[in-house]
Protein backbone atom coordinates (compact mmCIF):
# COMPACT_ATOMS: atom_id res chain seq x y z
CA MET A 1 -2.71 37.14 -22.81
CA LEU A 2 -1.01 35.04 -20.16
CA LYS A 3 2.45 36.28 -19.21
CA THR A 4 3.49 33.72 -16.58
CA GLY A 5 2.73 30.21 -15.44
CA ILE A 6 1.47 27.51 -17.77
CA LEU A 7 1.09 29.07 -21.22
CA ASN A 8 -0.17 25.98 -23.08
CA PRO A 9 -3.97 26.47 -23.25
CA ALA A 10 -4.81 22.76 -23.40
CA LEU A 11 -2.64 22.01 -20.38
CA ASN A 12 -4.08 24.99 -18.51
CA SER A 13 -7.59 23.73 -19.20
CA LEU A 14 -6.77 20.20 -18.07
CA LEU A 15 -5.10 21.35 -14.84
CA SER A 16 -8.06 23.57 -13.97
CA ARG A 17 -10.41 20.56 -14.09
CA ILE A 18 -8.43 18.42 -11.65
CA ARG A 19 -10.02 18.42 -8.22
CA HIS A 20 -9.44 16.87 -4.80
CA THR A 21 -8.26 13.22 -5.07
CA ASN A 22 -8.21 13.33 -8.91
CA THR A 23 -5.06 12.17 -10.64
CA LEU A 24 -2.90 13.38 -13.50
CA VAL A 25 -0.45 11.21 -15.42
CA ILE A 26 2.79 12.83 -16.55
CA ALA A 27 4.52 10.41 -18.88
CA ASP A 28 7.50 9.80 -21.12
CA ARG A 29 7.42 9.79 -24.91
CA GLY A 30 6.71 6.06 -25.21
CA PHE A 31 3.76 5.91 -22.84
CA PRO A 32 0.80 4.17 -24.51
CA PHE A 33 -2.26 6.01 -25.73
CA TRP A 34 -5.37 5.55 -23.57
CA PRO A 35 -8.46 6.41 -25.68
CA GLN A 36 -10.64 7.14 -22.64
CA ILE A 37 -8.23 9.74 -21.18
CA GLU A 38 -7.65 13.24 -22.46
CA THR A 39 -4.05 13.31 -23.66
CA ILE A 40 -2.01 16.43 -24.18
CA ASP A 41 1.17 15.62 -26.08
CA ILE A 42 3.75 18.32 -25.53
CA SER A 43 6.72 16.31 -26.82
CA LEU A 44 8.98 18.17 -29.22
CA VAL A 45 12.15 16.09 -29.58
CA ASP A 46 13.95 13.59 -27.34
CA ASP A 47 13.98 14.92 -23.77
CA ILE A 48 12.22 18.20 -24.58
CA PRO A 49 10.34 18.69 -22.42
CA ARG A 50 11.02 16.14 -19.71
CA VAL A 51 8.65 14.82 -17.07
CA LEU A 52 10.39 16.89 -14.42
CA ASP A 53 10.03 20.04 -16.52
CA VAL A 54 6.26 19.57 -16.29
CA VAL A 55 6.44 18.77 -12.57
CA ARG A 56 8.46 21.91 -11.87
CA ALA A 57 6.10 24.03 -13.98
CA ILE A 58 2.94 22.90 -12.17
CA ARG A 59 4.28 22.66 -8.58
CA SER A 60 3.71 26.31 -7.72
CA ASN A 61 -0.02 26.12 -8.45
CA PHE A 62 -0.96 22.47 -8.01
CA VAL A 63 -1.56 20.74 -4.67
CA ALA A 64 -0.13 17.22 -4.88
CA VAL A 65 -0.62 14.87 -1.94
CA ARG A 66 1.20 11.84 -3.35
CA VAL A 67 2.90 10.54 -6.44
CA PHE A 68 2.97 7.00 -7.79
CA MET A 69 5.84 5.59 -9.86
CA ALA A 70 6.81 2.16 -11.14
CA GLU A 71 9.34 0.48 -8.86
CA GLU A 72 11.25 -0.52 -11.99
CA PHE A 73 12.35 3.13 -12.17
CA LEU A 74 14.72 2.48 -9.26
CA ALA A 75 16.56 -0.38 -10.98
CA ALA A 76 16.59 1.20 -14.43
CA ASN A 77 18.12 4.54 -13.41
CA GLY A 78 21.25 5.64 -11.61
CA GLY A 79 21.46 7.53 -8.35
CA ASP A 80 21.77 10.92 -10.05
CA VAL A 81 18.46 10.46 -11.90
CA ARG A 82 16.72 9.12 -8.79
CA LEU A 83 18.00 12.09 -6.76
CA GLU A 84 16.75 14.57 -9.37
CA PHE A 85 13.25 13.08 -9.12
CA GLU A 86 13.36 13.05 -5.31
CA GLN A 87 14.37 16.71 -5.25
CA ALA A 88 11.73 17.78 -7.77
CA LEU A 89 9.07 15.93 -5.76
CA SER A 90 10.38 17.06 -2.36
CA GLY A 91 7.64 17.15 0.27
CA ILE A 92 5.30 14.87 -1.69
CA PRO A 93 5.10 11.23 -0.61
CA LEU A 94 6.45 9.03 -3.41
CA ILE A 95 4.99 5.53 -3.66
CA PHE A 96 6.71 2.89 -5.78
CA GLU A 97 4.71 -0.07 -7.03
CA PRO A 98 5.15 -2.71 -9.75
CA HIS A 99 4.72 -1.32 -13.25
CA VAL A 100 1.72 -3.59 -13.83
CA GLU A 101 -0.06 -2.10 -10.81
CA PHE A 102 0.94 1.43 -11.83
CA LYS A 103 -0.71 0.97 -15.24
CA LYS A 104 -3.96 -0.13 -13.56
CA ARG A 105 -4.27 3.35 -12.03
CA VAL A 106 -4.02 5.15 -15.39
CA PRO A 107 -7.65 4.75 -16.60
CA GLN A 108 -8.94 6.63 -13.53
CA ALA A 109 -6.85 9.73 -14.31
CA ILE A 110 -8.44 12.97 -15.45
CA GLY A 111 -5.74 13.42 -18.06
CA LEU A 112 -2.34 12.47 -19.37
CA VAL A 113 0.51 14.77 -20.35
CA ARG A 114 2.98 13.08 -22.70
CA THR A 115 6.47 14.59 -22.78
CA GLY A 116 9.59 13.91 -24.82
CA ASP A 117 11.33 12.27 -21.85
CA THR A 118 13.54 9.25 -22.60
CA THR A 119 14.24 8.36 -18.95
CA GLN A 120 13.18 4.76 -18.36
CA TYR A 121 10.03 4.42 -16.23
CA ALA A 122 9.91 8.19 -15.61
CA ASN A 123 6.10 8.15 -15.61
CA LEU A 124 4.25 9.70 -12.67
CA ILE A 125 0.70 9.60 -11.44
CA VAL A 126 0.12 12.72 -9.36
CA GLU A 127 -2.79 12.74 -6.93
CA SER A 128 -4.34 16.12 -6.20
CA GLY A 129 -5.10 17.25 -2.69
């Protein structure tokens, strides 16, 4: 039995299959379903868990070389929310692009983790190194 780290078996399995240059989407509760992508929905209620909860949980054992976000995130959220994301992603280049372009990257992802996050445009595409 696992005692530490990611305890969710489906999430553990997904993370173990992500290799160099593969991507993982970590999304809010309203993110659309993509039939061609394995989706692990870990949402429980509003904001539990949040996107950053997943980021913090995987950072110790996941090599991320860059993260993509929709540039609309910057306008839709205050400085405190933006700072929390910057701190959680510290050391990983963060690339903002229009939401339309962000969504074009999604079908190439290995998997999608849907959270209960209600933060507008909190979705991330994490590229593995």
